Protein backbone atom coordinates (compact mmCIF):
# COMPACT_ATOMS: atom_id res chain seq x y z
CA MET A 1 -3.74 -6.85 29.53
CA ASN A 2 -7.26 -7.85 30.57
CA ALA A 3 -9.72 -4.88 31.75
CA VAL A 4 -12.34 -7.20 33.60
CA VAL A 5 -11.10 -6.94 37.38
CA ASP A 6 -12.80 -9.91 39.71
CA THR A 7 -13.60 -8.95 43.37
CA ALA A 8 -10.84 -11.17 45.28
CA ALA A 9 -8.35 -8.68 42.55
CA ALA A 10 -10.37 -5.95 43.44
CA ASN A 11 -9.93 -5.98 46.78
CA GLN A 12 -6.23 -7.19 47.05
CA ILE A 13 -5.27 -3.86 44.74
CA ALA A 14 -7.28 -1.36 46.78
CA GLN A 15 -5.13 -2.44 49.84
CA VAL A 16 -1.69 -3.11 48.89
CA GLY A 17 0.51 0.06 49.33
CA GLU A 18 3.65 0.33 48.26
CA HIS A 19 6.38 -2.12 49.79
CA SER A 20 9.49 -4.43 49.30
CA THR A 21 8.74 -8.32 49.86
CA ASP A 22 9.73 -11.46 48.50
CA LEU A 23 7.28 -13.12 46.31
CA PRO A 24 7.48 -16.25 44.67
CA LEU A 25 8.46 -16.69 40.71
CA ALA A 26 5.33 -18.72 39.99
CA LYS A 27 2.72 -15.78 41.40
CA ILE A 28 4.49 -13.09 38.91
CA VAL A 29 3.32 -12.94 35.38
CA LYS A 30 4.79 -11.65 33.00
CA CYS A 31 2.86 -9.41 30.08
CA GLU A 32 3.27 -10.40 26.86
CA GLY A 33 4.92 -7.69 24.36
CA HIS A 34 5.45 -5.15 27.56
CA ASN A 35 9.14 -5.22 27.80
CA PRO A 36 11.00 -2.65 25.52
CA ARG A 37 14.55 -4.54 26.21
CA LYS A 38 14.14 -7.22 23.22
CA THR A 39 18.27 -7.72 22.89
CA ARG A 40 20.57 -8.49 25.86
CA SER A 41 24.10 -8.58 25.60
CA ALA A 42 25.70 -12.37 25.81
CA LYS A 43 28.52 -10.93 27.05
CA GLN A 44 26.23 -8.81 30.31
CA THR A 45 23.74 -11.51 30.31
CA GLU A 46 26.08 -13.92 31.21
CA ALA A 47 27.66 -12.40 33.75
CA LEU A 48 24.45 -11.37 35.56
CA ARG A 49 23.53 -14.74 35.23
CA GLU A 50 26.61 -15.93 37.33
CA SER A 51 26.23 -13.10 39.90
CA ILE A 52 22.64 -14.07 40.70
CA ARG A 53 23.86 -17.24 40.50
CA ALA A 54 26.15 -16.70 43.28
CA LYS A 55 24.33 -14.09 45.28
CA GLY A 56 20.84 -14.09 44.30
CA VAL A 57 18.75 -11.32 43.13
CA MET A 58 20.76 -8.02 44.84
CA GLN A 59 18.16 -5.39 43.45
CA SER A 60 14.51 -5.69 44.07
CA ILE A 61 12.33 -6.26 40.51
CA LEU A 62 8.96 -4.13 39.94
CA VAL A 63 5.26 -5.45 40.50
CA ARG A 64 1.77 -4.27 40.79
CA PRO A 65 -1.16 -6.55 42.10
CA HIS A 66 -2.72 -8.10 38.86
CA PRO A 67 -5.90 -6.75 37.84
CA THR A 68 -7.82 -9.85 37.13
CA GLU A 69 -6.36 -12.47 39.66
CA ALA A 70 -6.07 -12.83 43.19
CA ASP A 71 -2.76 -13.13 45.08
CA ARG A 72 -0.87 -12.98 41.49
CA TYR A 73 1.34 -10.05 40.64
CA GLU A 74 2.31 -8.62 36.89
CA LEU A 75 5.95 -7.54 35.91
CA VAL A 76 6.26 -4.46 35.19
CA THR A 77 10.26 -3.64 35.08
CA GLY A 78 13.16 -6.65 36.11
CA GLU A 79 11.91 -8.90 33.34
CA THR A 80 16.09 -9.97 32.59
CA ARG A 81 16.13 -10.41 36.42
CA PHE A 82 13.45 -12.42 36.65
CA ASP A 83 14.02 -14.52 33.77
CA LEU A 84 17.45 -15.36 35.03
CA ALA A 85 16.15 -16.11 38.77
CA GLY A 86 14.22 -18.76 37.65
CA GLU A 87 17.02 -20.01 34.89
CA VAL A 88 19.47 -21.00 37.79
CA GLY A 89 17.22 -22.54 40.38
CA LEU A 90 15.75 -19.91 42.61
CA THR A 91 12.01 -20.10 43.52
CA THR A 92 11.50 -16.42 45.27
CA ILE A 93 13.10 -13.11 44.46
CA PRO A 94 12.82 -9.53 45.86
CA VAL A 95 10.05 -7.33 44.70
CA THR A 96 8.73 -3.79 45.46
CA ILE A 97 5.21 -3.93 44.85
CA ARG A 98 3.23 -0.58 43.35
CA GLN A 99 -0.22 0.20 41.97
CA ILE A 100 0.12 0.94 38.46
CA SER A 101 -2.37 2.32 36.16
CA ASP A 102 -1.99 0.63 32.39
CA ALA A 103 -1.42 3.71 31.12
CA GLU A 104 1.71 3.86 33.60
CA MET A 105 3.11 0.69 32.57
CA THR A 106 4.72 1.57 29.37
CA GLU A 107 6.63 4.75 31.04
CA TYR A 108 7.84 2.95 33.75
CA ALA A 109 9.15 0.30 31.48
CA ALA A 110 10.99 2.24 29.52
CA THR A 111 12.36 4.72 31.64
CA GLU A 112 13.31 2.04 34.12
CA ASN A 113 15.60 0.50 31.53
CA VAL A 114 16.91 3.33 30.06
CA GLN A 115 18.02 4.43 33.55
CA ARG A 116 19.56 1.12 33.78
CA PHE A 117 22.88 0.04 32.60
CA ALA A 118 23.57 -0.59 28.71
CA MET A 119 20.32 -0.67 27.59
CA SER A 120 20.41 -1.23 23.71
CA PRO A 121 19.47 1.57 21.52
CA MET A 122 17.62 -0.43 19.69
CA ASP A 123 15.13 -1.29 22.95
CA GLU A 124 15.32 2.55 23.37
CA GLY A 125 13.90 3.24 19.94
CA ASP A 126 11.24 0.66 20.81
CA ALA A 127 10.52 1.92 24.28
CA ALA A 128 9.88 5.70 22.60
CA ARG A 129 7.71 4.02 19.29
CA LYS A 130 5.51 2.19 22.06
CA LEU A 131 4.85 5.51 23.86
CA LEU A 132 4.30 7.39 20.23
CA ALA A 133 1.64 4.52 19.63
CA GLU A 134 0.00 4.65 22.69
CA GLY A 135 -0.87 8.52 22.00
CA HIS A 136 2.13 10.49 23.70
CA ASP A 137 3.32 13.65 21.18
CA ARG A 138 6.96 14.24 20.30
CA ASP A 139 7.43 16.39 23.22
CA GLU A 140 6.24 13.93 26.12
CA VAL A 141 8.33 11.38 24.81
CA CYS A 142 11.21 13.36 25.11
CA LEU A 143 10.21 14.70 28.48
CA ILE A 144 9.49 10.86 29.84
CA MET A 145 12.97 9.85 28.36
CA GLY A 146 14.95 12.59 29.26
CA TRP A 147 15.86 13.08 25.54
CA THR A 148 16.23 15.86 23.30
CA HIS A 149 14.37 15.63 19.69
CA GLN A 150 17.87 14.75 17.66
CA LYS A 151 18.42 11.92 20.10
CA LEU A 152 14.40 11.39 19.72
CA ASP A 153 15.34 11.14 15.95
CA GLY A 154 18.18 9.21 15.59
CA ARG A 155 16.38 6.26 18.44
CA LEU A 156 13.46 6.02 16.27
CA GLN A 157 15.14 5.71 12.63
CA LEU A 158 17.21 2.73 14.57
CA THR A 159 13.97 1.00 14.54
CA TYR A 160 13.74 -0.01 11.00
CA CYS A 161 16.94 -2.30 11.79
CA THR A 162 16.39 -6.19 11.50
CA ASP A 163 16.58 -8.58 14.35
CA SER A 164 20.45 -9.44 13.53
CA ILE A 165 21.81 -5.83 13.94
CA ARG A 166 20.08 -5.01 17.00
CA GLN A 167 21.96 -8.51 18.16
CA ALA A 168 25.74 -7.51 17.24
CA LEU A 169 24.68 -3.99 18.10
CA ALA A 170 23.90 -5.21 21.73
CA ASP A 171 27.19 -7.29 21.38
CA GLU A 172 29.63 -4.64 20.23
CA LYS A 173 30.38 -6.00 17.42
CA ILE A 174 29.51 -2.96 15.30
CA SER A 175 28.68 0.45 16.48
CA ILE A 176 25.41 2.52 16.81
CA GLY A 177 27.24 4.57 13.95
CA HIS A 178 27.15 1.65 11.65
CA ALA A 179 23.41 0.48 12.60
CA GLN A 180 22.50 4.04 11.58
CA LEU A 181 23.47 3.79 8.59
CA LEU A 182 22.31 -0.10 8.22
CA SER A 183 18.68 1.36 9.21
CA GLY A 184 18.05 3.26 5.85
CA LEU A 185 18.60 0.10 3.85
CA ARG A 186 15.90 -1.95 2.57
CA GLU A 187 14.86 -5.07 5.24
CA GLN A 188 16.59 -7.60 2.51
CA ALA A 189 19.77 -5.94 2.72
CA GLN A 190 20.36 -5.84 5.80
CA PRO A 191 21.81 -8.91 6.67
CA SER A 192 24.15 -8.77 3.74
CA ALA A 193 25.96 -5.31 4.59
CA LEU A 194 26.11 -6.24 7.98
CA LYS A 195 28.15 -9.15 7.25
CA VAL A 196 30.10 -7.03 4.80
CA ILE A 197 30.98 -4.64 8.08
CA VAL A 198 31.87 -7.70 10.14
CA ASN A 199 33.85 -10.07 7.52
CA LYS A 200 36.14 -7.02 6.48
CA GLY A 201 36.21 -4.84 10.01
CA LEU A 202 34.29 -1.53 8.17
CA THR A 203 34.99 1.63 10.26
CA VAL A 204 31.69 3.83 10.06
CA GLU A 205 33.35 5.92 7.55
CA GLN A 206 34.61 3.40 5.08
CA PHE A 207 30.84 1.92 5.10
CA ARG A 208 29.17 5.23 4.76
CA ASN A 209 31.75 5.36 1.18
CA VAL A 210 30.20 1.98 0.45
CA LEU A 211 26.84 3.36 0.82
CA ASP A 212 27.77 6.42 -1.42
CA ASP A 213 28.81 4.61 -4.20
CA LEU A 214 25.67 2.18 -3.49
CA SER A 215 23.31 5.40 -3.17
CA PHE A 216 24.07 6.75 -6.90
CA LYS A 217 22.94 3.61 -8.74
CA LEU A 218 21.13 4.87 -10.93
CA ALA A 219 18.92 1.87 -10.70
CA SER A 220 18.07 2.87 -7.50
CA ALA A 221 17.28 6.12 -7.94
CA PRO A 222 13.58 7.47 -6.93
CA PHE A 223 13.18 10.12 -9.86
CA ASP A 224 13.06 8.84 -13.60
CA THR A 225 16.35 8.54 -15.24
CA ALA A 226 15.20 8.76 -18.69
CA ASP A 227 16.90 11.93 -19.26
CA CYS A 228 20.04 10.68 -17.42
CA ALA A 229 21.30 8.01 -20.28
CA ALA A 230 23.32 10.53 -22.53
CA CYS A 231 24.17 12.68 -19.64
CA PRO A 232 27.72 12.90 -19.40
CA HIS A 233 27.93 12.23 -15.92
CA ASN A 234 26.71 8.75 -16.36
CA SER A 235 29.10 6.25 -15.36
CA SER A 236 27.55 3.82 -18.53
CA THR A 237 28.48 6.90 -21.03
CA GLN A 238 31.96 7.10 -19.58
CA ALA A 239 32.32 3.50 -20.52
CA ASN A 240 31.76 4.02 -24.10
CA LEU A 241 33.57 6.64 -24.12
CA PHE A 242 36.60 5.39 -22.81
CA ASP A 243 36.11 1.68 -23.30
CA ALA A 244 36.28 1.15 -19.96
CA ASN A 245 34.16 -0.79 -17.23
CA THR A 246 33.20 1.94 -14.64
CA GLY A 247 29.99 0.87 -13.13
CA ASN A 248 26.52 0.26 -14.10
CA GLY A 249 24.64 2.63 -14.12
CA LYS A 250 26.25 5.17 -11.85
CA CYS A 251 25.71 8.60 -11.17
CA LEU A 252 29.19 10.53 -10.76
CA ASN A 253 27.61 14.04 -10.36
CA LYS A 254 26.07 13.69 -7.00
CA ALA A 255 25.02 16.66 -6.68
CA CYS A 256 23.00 16.50 -8.95
CA PHE A 257 21.43 12.92 -8.13
CA THR A 258 20.81 14.63 -4.51
CA LYS A 259 18.89 17.41 -5.95
CA LYS A 260 16.89 15.47 -8.44
CA SER A 261 15.88 13.01 -5.67
CA GLU A 262 14.68 15.96 -3.29
CA GLU A 263 12.93 17.63 -5.88
CA HIS A 264 11.25 14.06 -6.64
CA LEU A 265 10.26 13.76 -3.33
CA GLN A 266 8.72 17.28 -2.41
CA ALA A 267 6.60 16.70 -5.99
CA LYS A 268 5.35 13.44 -4.86
CA LYS A 269 4.36 15.12 -1.45
CA GLU A 270 2.80 17.78 -2.83
CA GLU A 271 1.10 15.25 -5.00
CA LEU A 272 -0.35 13.51 -2.61
CA ALA A 273 -1.44 15.97 -0.27
CA GLU A 274 -3.72 16.49 -3.27
CA SER A 275 -5.56 13.05 -2.03
CA TYR A 276 -4.76 12.86 1.70
CA ASN A 277 -4.32 15.24 4.50
CA THR A 278 -1.16 13.52 6.20
CA VAL A 279 1.77 12.88 3.76
CA LYS A 280 5.33 11.96 5.43
CA LEU A 281 8.66 10.49 4.78
CA SER A 282 9.02 6.86 6.22
CA SER A 283 12.45 8.51 7.52
CA GLU A 284 9.90 10.81 9.43
CA VAL A 285 7.55 8.11 10.94
CA ALA A 286 8.93 5.38 13.49
CA GLN A 287 8.20 1.91 12.17
CA GLY A 288 5.61 0.15 13.92
CA THR A 289 3.51 3.10 14.90
CA THR A 290 1.11 3.70 11.79
CA THR A 291 -0.83 1.07 9.89
CA ILE A 292 -3.40 0.44 6.74
CA VAL A 293 -6.88 1.73 7.03
CA ILE A 294 -9.06 -0.97 5.64
CA ALA A 295 -13.01 -1.80 5.03
CA ARG A 296 -13.39 -5.46 5.55
CA GLY A 297 -11.41 -8.45 7.41
CA ASN A 298 -10.30 -9.08 10.83
CA GLN A 299 -8.20 -5.33 10.60
CA GLY A 300 -11.34 -3.68 8.76
CA VAL A 301 -13.92 -0.16 10.10
CA GLY A 302 -16.19 -0.78 7.68
CA GLN A 303 -16.94 0.92 4.66
CA GLU A 304 -19.06 4.22 6.00
CA GLN A 305 -16.09 4.52 8.83
CA LEU A 306 -13.74 4.38 6.39
CA ASN A 307 -14.90 7.39 3.78
CA GLU A 308 -15.06 9.26 7.45
CA CYS A 309 -11.44 8.51 8.21
CA ALA A 310 -10.91 9.72 4.41
CA LYS A 311 -11.20 13.29 5.79
CA CYS A 312 -9.45 12.43 9.42
CA GLU A 313 -6.54 14.54 9.72
CA HIS A 314 -4.11 11.74 10.78
CA TYR A 315 -5.42 9.73 7.00
CA GLY A 316 -2.33 9.92 4.85
CA ALA A 317 0.43 8.48 2.99
CA ILE A 318 4.10 7.44 3.57
CA ILE A 319 7.06 7.77 0.75
CA ASP A 320 9.45 5.20 1.86
CA THR A 321 13.29 6.79 1.19
CA ALA A 322 14.67 3.41 1.81
CA LEU A 323 17.72 3.29 -0.41
CA GLY A 324 16.42 1.23 -3.75
CA ASN A 325 12.50 1.69 -2.62
CA ARG A 326 12.03 3.86 -5.08
CA ALA A 327 10.33 5.84 -3.52
CA LYS A 328 7.72 3.28 -3.06
CA VAL A 329 3.76 4.92 -1.92
CA THR A 330 2.17 3.02 1.00
CA ALA A 331 -1.40 4.74 1.05
CA SER A 332 -4.75 4.74 3.11
CA THR A 333 -2.41 5.13 6.32
CA CYS A 334 -3.46 5.78 9.79
CA PHE A 335 -1.20 7.92 11.90
CA ASN A 336 -3.41 7.71 15.21
CA LEU A 337 -2.93 3.94 16.05
CA ALA A 338 -4.91 4.31 19.50
CA CYS A 339 -8.03 6.05 16.91
CA HIS A 340 -7.43 3.22 14.66
CA LYS A 341 -8.01 0.50 17.63
CA GLU A 342 -11.48 1.77 18.38
CA LYS A 343 -12.30 2.16 14.84
CA VAL A 344 -11.68 -2.10 14.25
CA LYS A 345 -13.15 -2.98 17.62
CA ALA A 346 -16.28 -1.33 17.10
CA TYR A 347 -16.84 -2.33 13.71
CA GLN A 348 -15.90 -6.12 14.51
CA ASN A 349 -18.31 -6.18 17.62
CA LEU A 350 -21.20 -5.35 15.28
CA ILE A 351 -20.11 -7.90 12.82
CA ALA A 352 -20.27 -10.26 15.40
CA THR A 353 -23.73 -8.65 16.96
CA ASP A 354 -25.16 -9.48 13.45
CA THR A 355 -23.66 -13.16 12.94
CA THR A 356 -25.29 -13.86 16.17
CA ALA A 357 -28.42 -12.53 15.70
CA ALA A 358 -28.39 -14.13 12.41
CA THR A 359 -27.47 -18.13 13.50
CA SER A 360 -30.03 -17.49 16.65
CA THR A 361 -33.41 -18.00 14.61
CA THR A 362 -34.97 -21.24 15.91
CA ALA A 363 -38.55 -23.06 15.47
CA ALA A 364 -40.63 -22.08 17.86
CA PRO A 365 -41.82 -24.08 20.32
CA ALA A 366 -45.53 -25.81 19.01
CA SER A 367 -47.72 -24.79 21.86
CA THR A 368 -46.86 -21.02 21.14
CA GLY A 369 -48.76 -21.39 17.66
CA GLN A 370 -45.94 -19.11 16.10
CA PRO A 371 -44.21 -20.15 12.58
CA THR A 372 -41.67 -23.05 13.14
CA GLY A 373 -39.00 -20.60 11.35
CA THR A 374 -38.23 -16.72 11.25
CA ALA A 375 -36.84 -14.64 8.53
CA LYS A 376 -33.44 -13.89 8.81
CA PRO A 377 -32.83 -10.23 10.53
CA ALA A 378 -31.35 -7.09 8.85
CA ALA A 379 -27.81 -6.45 9.60
CA LYS A 380 -26.87 -3.19 11.28
CA LYS A 381 -25.31 -0.44 9.54
CA ALA A 382 -22.29 0.28 11.25
CA LYS A 383 -22.10 3.88 12.03
CA ALA A 384 -19.04 5.60 11.62
CA SER A 385 -17.84 8.39 13.96
CA LYS A 386 -16.87 11.83 13.77
CA PRO A 387 -13.28 12.14 12.04
CA ALA A 388 -10.35 14.44 13.43
CA THR A 389 -11.19 16.80 10.89
CA PRO A 390 -8.28 19.35 9.81
CA LYS A 391 -7.80 22.59 11.05
CA THR A 392 -8.52 24.11 8.19
CA ILE A 393 -11.41 22.77 7.41
CA VAL A 394 -12.63 23.23 10.91
CA ALA A 395 -11.62 26.95 10.66
CA GLN A 396 -13.71 27.33 7.16
CA HIS A 397 -16.26 25.79 8.92
CA HIS A 398 -16.68 27.71 12.01
CA GLN A 399 -16.11 31.12 10.29
CA ILE A 400 -19.08 30.03 8.37
CA HIS A 401 -21.13 29.62 11.78
CA ARG A 402 -20.17 32.73 13.20
CA LYS A 403 -20.92 34.79 10.17
CA ALA A 404 -24.89 33.20 10.59
CA ALA A 405 -24.60 33.79 14.47
CA ALA A 406 -24.07 36.83 14.43
CA ASP A 407 -26.44 37.69 12.11
CA HIS A 408 -29.30 35.88 13.37
CA LEU A 409 -28.64 37.70 16.84
CA ARG A 410 -28.91 40.82 15.79
CA MET A 411 -31.65 40.43 13.26
CA ASN A 412 -33.51 39.04 15.98
CA LYS A 413 -32.39 40.91 18.80
CA ASP A 414 -31.77 38.37 21.17
CA ALA A 415 -31.10 39.68 24.10
CA ARG A 416 -30.66 36.42 26.15
CA THR A 417 -27.59 34.69 24.20
CA ALA A 418 -25.95 37.85 23.98
CA GLN A 419 -25.92 38.37 28.11
CA ILE A 420 -24.77 34.57 27.52
CA VAL A 421 -22.06 35.56 25.30
CA MET A 422 -20.61 38.30 27.68
CA LEU A 423 -20.74 36.70 30.44
CA LEU A 424 -18.80 33.45 29.34
CA ALA A 425 -16.40 35.99 27.87
CA LEU A 426 -16.17 37.58 31.35
CA MET A 427 -16.10 34.58 33.04
CA GLN A 428 -13.24 33.55 31.48
CA GLU A 429 -11.13 36.58 31.25
CA ALA A 430 -11.12 36.54 34.90
CA ASN A 431 -11.03 33.11 35.57
CA ILE A 432 -14.09 32.62 37.60
CA THR A 433 -15.90 29.65 38.12
CA PRO A 434 -19.70 29.93 39.39
CA GLU A 435 -20.88 29.06 42.51
CA PRO A 436 -22.37 26.85 43.35
CA LYS A 437 -21.20 24.76 40.17
CA PRO A 438 -24.14 24.04 38.01
CA GLU A 439 -24.32 20.72 37.13
CA GLY A 440 -22.51 19.60 33.76
CA TRP A 441 -20.27 23.12 34.17
CA PRO A 442 -17.59 22.21 32.24
CA THR A 443 -13.76 23.16 33.80
CA THR A 444 -12.86 25.28 31.44
CA LEU A 445 -14.40 27.78 29.07
CA SER A 446 -11.64 27.79 26.50
CA GLY A 447 -11.72 26.22 23.52
CA SER A 448 -15.42 23.95 22.58
CA ASN A 449 -15.81 24.05 26.58
CA ARG A 450 -17.28 27.25 25.94
CA ALA A 451 -20.52 25.92 24.30
CA ALA A 452 -20.83 23.30 27.32
CA GLY A 453 -21.25 26.52 29.53
CA ALA A 454 -23.23 28.23 27.30
CA LYS A 455 -25.66 25.24 26.94
CA VAL A 456 -25.62 25.22 30.61
CA LEU A 457 -26.34 29.18 30.89
CA ASP A 458 -29.46 28.60 28.65
CA SER A 459 -31.22 26.22 31.11
CA MET A 460 -31.28 28.85 33.57
CA SER A 461 -34.33 30.71 33.94
CA ASP A 462 -34.18 34.47 33.51
CA GLU A 463 -33.81 35.13 37.44
CA GLU A 464 -31.23 32.76 37.14
CA LEU A 465 -29.08 34.09 35.14
CA ALA A 466 -29.07 37.53 36.07
CA SER A 467 -28.54 36.56 39.70
CA LEU A 468 -25.46 34.68 38.58
CA GLN A 469 -24.21 37.87 36.57
CA LEU A 470 -24.34 39.95 39.31
CA ARG A 471 -22.61 37.50 41.22
CA VAL A 472 -19.60 36.91 38.34
CA ALA A 473 -19.51 40.87 38.02
CA SER A 474 -18.88 41.50 41.50
CA LYS A 475 -16.30 38.67 41.60
CA ALA A 476 -15.01 39.59 38.54
CA LEU A 477 -14.61 43.89 39.48
CA LYS A 478 -13.17 42.65 43.41
CA ALA A 479 -10.93 39.61 42.34
CA SER A 480 -9.63 39.31 38.46
CA THR A 481 -6.21 39.45 37.98
CA THR A 482 -6.14 36.96 34.76
CA GLY A 483 -5.83 38.58 31.17
CA PHE A 484 -7.65 36.65 28.30
CA SER A 485 -5.99 34.07 26.85
CA GLU A 486 -7.57 32.16 23.50
CA ASN A 487 -4.82 29.64 24.09
CA GLY A 488 -4.34 28.66 20.01
CA ALA A 489 -8.00 27.15 20.61
CA ASP A 490 -11.18 28.69 18.17
CA THR A 491 -13.39 29.48 21.60
CA PHE A 492 -15.91 31.14 19.66
CA GLY A 493 -16.41 29.37 16.82
CA ALA A 494 -17.77 26.44 19.05
CA MET A 495 -19.82 28.66 20.42
CA ALA A 496 -20.97 29.90 16.75
CA GLU A 497 -21.78 26.46 16.15
CA TRP A 498 -23.90 25.61 19.49
CA TYR A 499 -25.70 29.23 18.73
CA SER A 500 -26.39 28.31 14.65
CA SER A 501 -28.05 25.02 16.19
CA THR A 502 -29.93 25.40 18.90
CA ARG A 503 -31.37 28.79 17.43
CA GLU A 504 -31.34 27.13 13.86
CA ALA A 505 -29.50 29.56 11.45
CA ASP A 506 -29.66 29.86 8.16
CA LEU A 507 -26.54 28.73 6.94
CA THR A 508 -27.42 28.97 3.25
CA LYS A 509 -27.29 32.90 3.99
CA GLN A 510 -23.53 32.36 4.90
CA PHE A 511 -22.33 29.88 2.62
CA THR A 512 -22.08 28.81 -1.16
CA MET A 513 -19.99 25.89 -1.86
CA ASP A 514 -17.13 27.27 -4.28
CA ALA A 515 -13.40 26.22 -5.69
CA GLU A 516 -12.19 28.10 -2.33
CA TYR A 517 -14.65 26.17 -0.40
CA LEU A 518 -13.61 23.18 -1.66
CA LYS A 519 -9.28 23.54 -1.55
CA ALA A 520 -9.02 22.67 1.80
CA PHE A 521 -10.41 19.09 1.34
CA THR A 522 -8.83 16.45 -0.32
CA LYS A 523 -9.74 14.68 -3.91
CA PRO A 524 -11.59 12.05 -2.51
CA VAL A 525 -13.46 14.04 -0.04
CA ILE A 526 -13.99 17.18 -2.86
CA GLN A 527 -15.98 13.97 -5.16
CA GLN A 528 -18.02 13.20 -2.22
CA LEU A 529 -19.28 16.56 -1.91
CA LEU A 530 -19.31 17.19 -5.31
CA GLU A 531 -21.88 14.06 -6.03
CA ALA A 532 -23.51 14.66 -2.84
CA SER A 533 -24.59 18.55 -4.54
CA GLY A 534 -25.83 17.05 -7.86
CA PHE A 535 -22.67 18.63 -9.50
CA ASN A 536 -21.81 15.30 -11.01
CA LYS A 537 -24.71 14.84 -13.37
CA HIS A 538 -24.96 18.66 -14.19
CA PHE A 539 -21.07 18.41 -15.10
CA ASP A 540 -22.03 15.51 -17.50
CA SER A 541 -24.74 17.03 -19.26
CA LYS A 542 -23.32 20.13 -20.08
CA ALA A 543 -20.57 18.23 -21.47
CA ASP A 544 -22.73 15.46 -22.91
CA ASP A 545 -20.16 13.05 -21.63
CA GLU A 546 -21.85 10.45 -19.10
CA LYS A 547 -18.42 10.03 -17.93
CA ALA A 548 -17.15 13.64 -18.33
CA PHE A 549 -16.97 13.75 -14.17
CA ALA A 550 -15.19 10.55 -13.72
CA THR A 551 -12.59 11.64 -16.19
CA LEU A 552 -12.58 15.63 -14.37
CA MET A 553 -11.51 13.13 -10.91
CA LYS A 554 -8.46 11.25 -12.47
CA GLY A 555 -7.00 14.56 -12.68
CA LYS A 556 -5.57 17.17 -11.06
CA LYS A 557 -6.48 19.12 -7.92
CA GLY A 558 -6.17 22.12 -9.38
CA ASP A 559 -7.95 21.40 -12.92
CA ILE A 560 -11.17 20.24 -10.71
CA LEU A 561 -11.38 23.34 -8.38
CA LYS A 562 -11.38 25.44 -11.70
CA ALA A 563 -14.07 23.28 -13.75
CA VAL A 564 -16.14 23.97 -10.06
CA GLU A 565 -14.92 27.81 -10.77
CA ASP A 566 -16.03 27.79 -14.40
CA SER A 567 -18.95 25.96 -13.68
CA ASP A 568 -22.66 27.83 -14.31
CA PHE A 569 -23.89 25.31 -11.96
CA ASP A 570 -25.94 26.34 -8.88
CA PHE A 571 -24.88 25.46 -5.22
CA SER A 572 -27.61 27.58 -3.48
CA GLY A 573 -28.99 25.50 -0.84
CA PHE A 574 -26.96 22.87 -0.60
CA ILE A 575 -24.69 22.30 3.20
CA PRO A 576 -22.19 19.54 3.06
CA ASP A 577 -23.44 17.34 6.13
CA ASP A 578 -20.10 17.73 7.98
CA LEU A 579 -21.35 21.73 7.86
CA LYS A 580 -24.89 21.04 8.90
CA ILE A 581 -26.45 21.85 12.17
CA ARG A 582 -27.22 18.88 14.12
């Protein structure tokens, strides 16, 4: 949906109130990819088509004023009725016109379709997936859709079904139980499995038994099957013993096979957790809610931003649990599509700007006396945005900020800051907003907002601050009824960071990089920190091997931390860039 609004369209949006009327079909525009209903039952669609042909559209569709075109409207809900009205030759259709924001469009489409008869469970899964991709968390999606978490998980699993399975479910050739089992297969295997179900008329239980037989084939096991070669529960071994064909390498001990599979997946997750902040099984992730982070190309974010993304709590890897995919890993995965989209847009805009500057050099007019050509301008360097730092690392940094701020405040007898700290705590505890409200005052004093409040108070004169303190204290004594609550936010951690920054507190007295500090980071970020501190050169020198550090970084995270702990390298005075006060 285009964000540019012309004057006429803006006036139309401002003037329209919610009302019902008839509109020409030609004035209504569909939004590509907006409708969550992707599959329609052929039988039900035909019945609705004949009803509309005989009686017209009986229930209004929902539209909103088009954001960029005057006297035009965008379709919000009712796409099936809209399409069929055109098919049977109608030129107008009853509509309800309502002002709806871009952010509300997906919610309207999802809830309206779910509440209407016979929306495919697959489409319900797509609607939920789209809400997740747009930034809603699981609790919010359940609230919007009116679902339990169990139903949400089931619908999201269905998003892995192919189009042929979607249509078969919509046409009632298979049940939702069949579809859920099919969704656990690789995409290439789903069409043939569907054909078997339909042609043989398999029940859900019968098909589950078929999958059980396939599931325990050693060729599809996610773990190393070397130890299975001589196992008495290996069907190939049984075949040799009894001179009979009992199958091609199938495990006859399901409990053992399941245990080994689970242990392998868990070990894989733990191994990947050393290099990625988030590691999930594919069964835990809705299809279409993640993407791969790359530096170059049309979806690139730039190398500097990619380095920052590696520190983000939303950056990770996915282990494929589909039958036959042998726990394949998809690395460098972003679990926050909205953030990734912003990063791609910023980098692509930068590239476009540099390209325009580089191609716009032309010969200067002779009358100017300037040279006939100019040098190609230097390409701009993409400025990486700060990642969503994992909470364990934020807590570590804030603890260091706290110690540095507390030590500096006490040693310098900073009575003004002590006054600000106590005043903010009192205002939070008593739920008091200063009156009149100073410019830049935050909406709340929880979390990092308290640092913003401290900045505002610090800009006041001593007299203004003393006057405010008296007013707040008086109001608190008179009207305070609320108790103090942290709401899970690190309030004073953010405030300590503010204090350390503005008072130039010395972090080096409170911080020395060691194995305990590095433990919270992934291996790629640990490597960045060790190289920035000079540890890598020291390590190579001590080992008398210029590749010693590179070899170390290829090993386990625990071995790297042990090497740092055992080293005599002096980290004194080194402060990581992310910890530095700016």
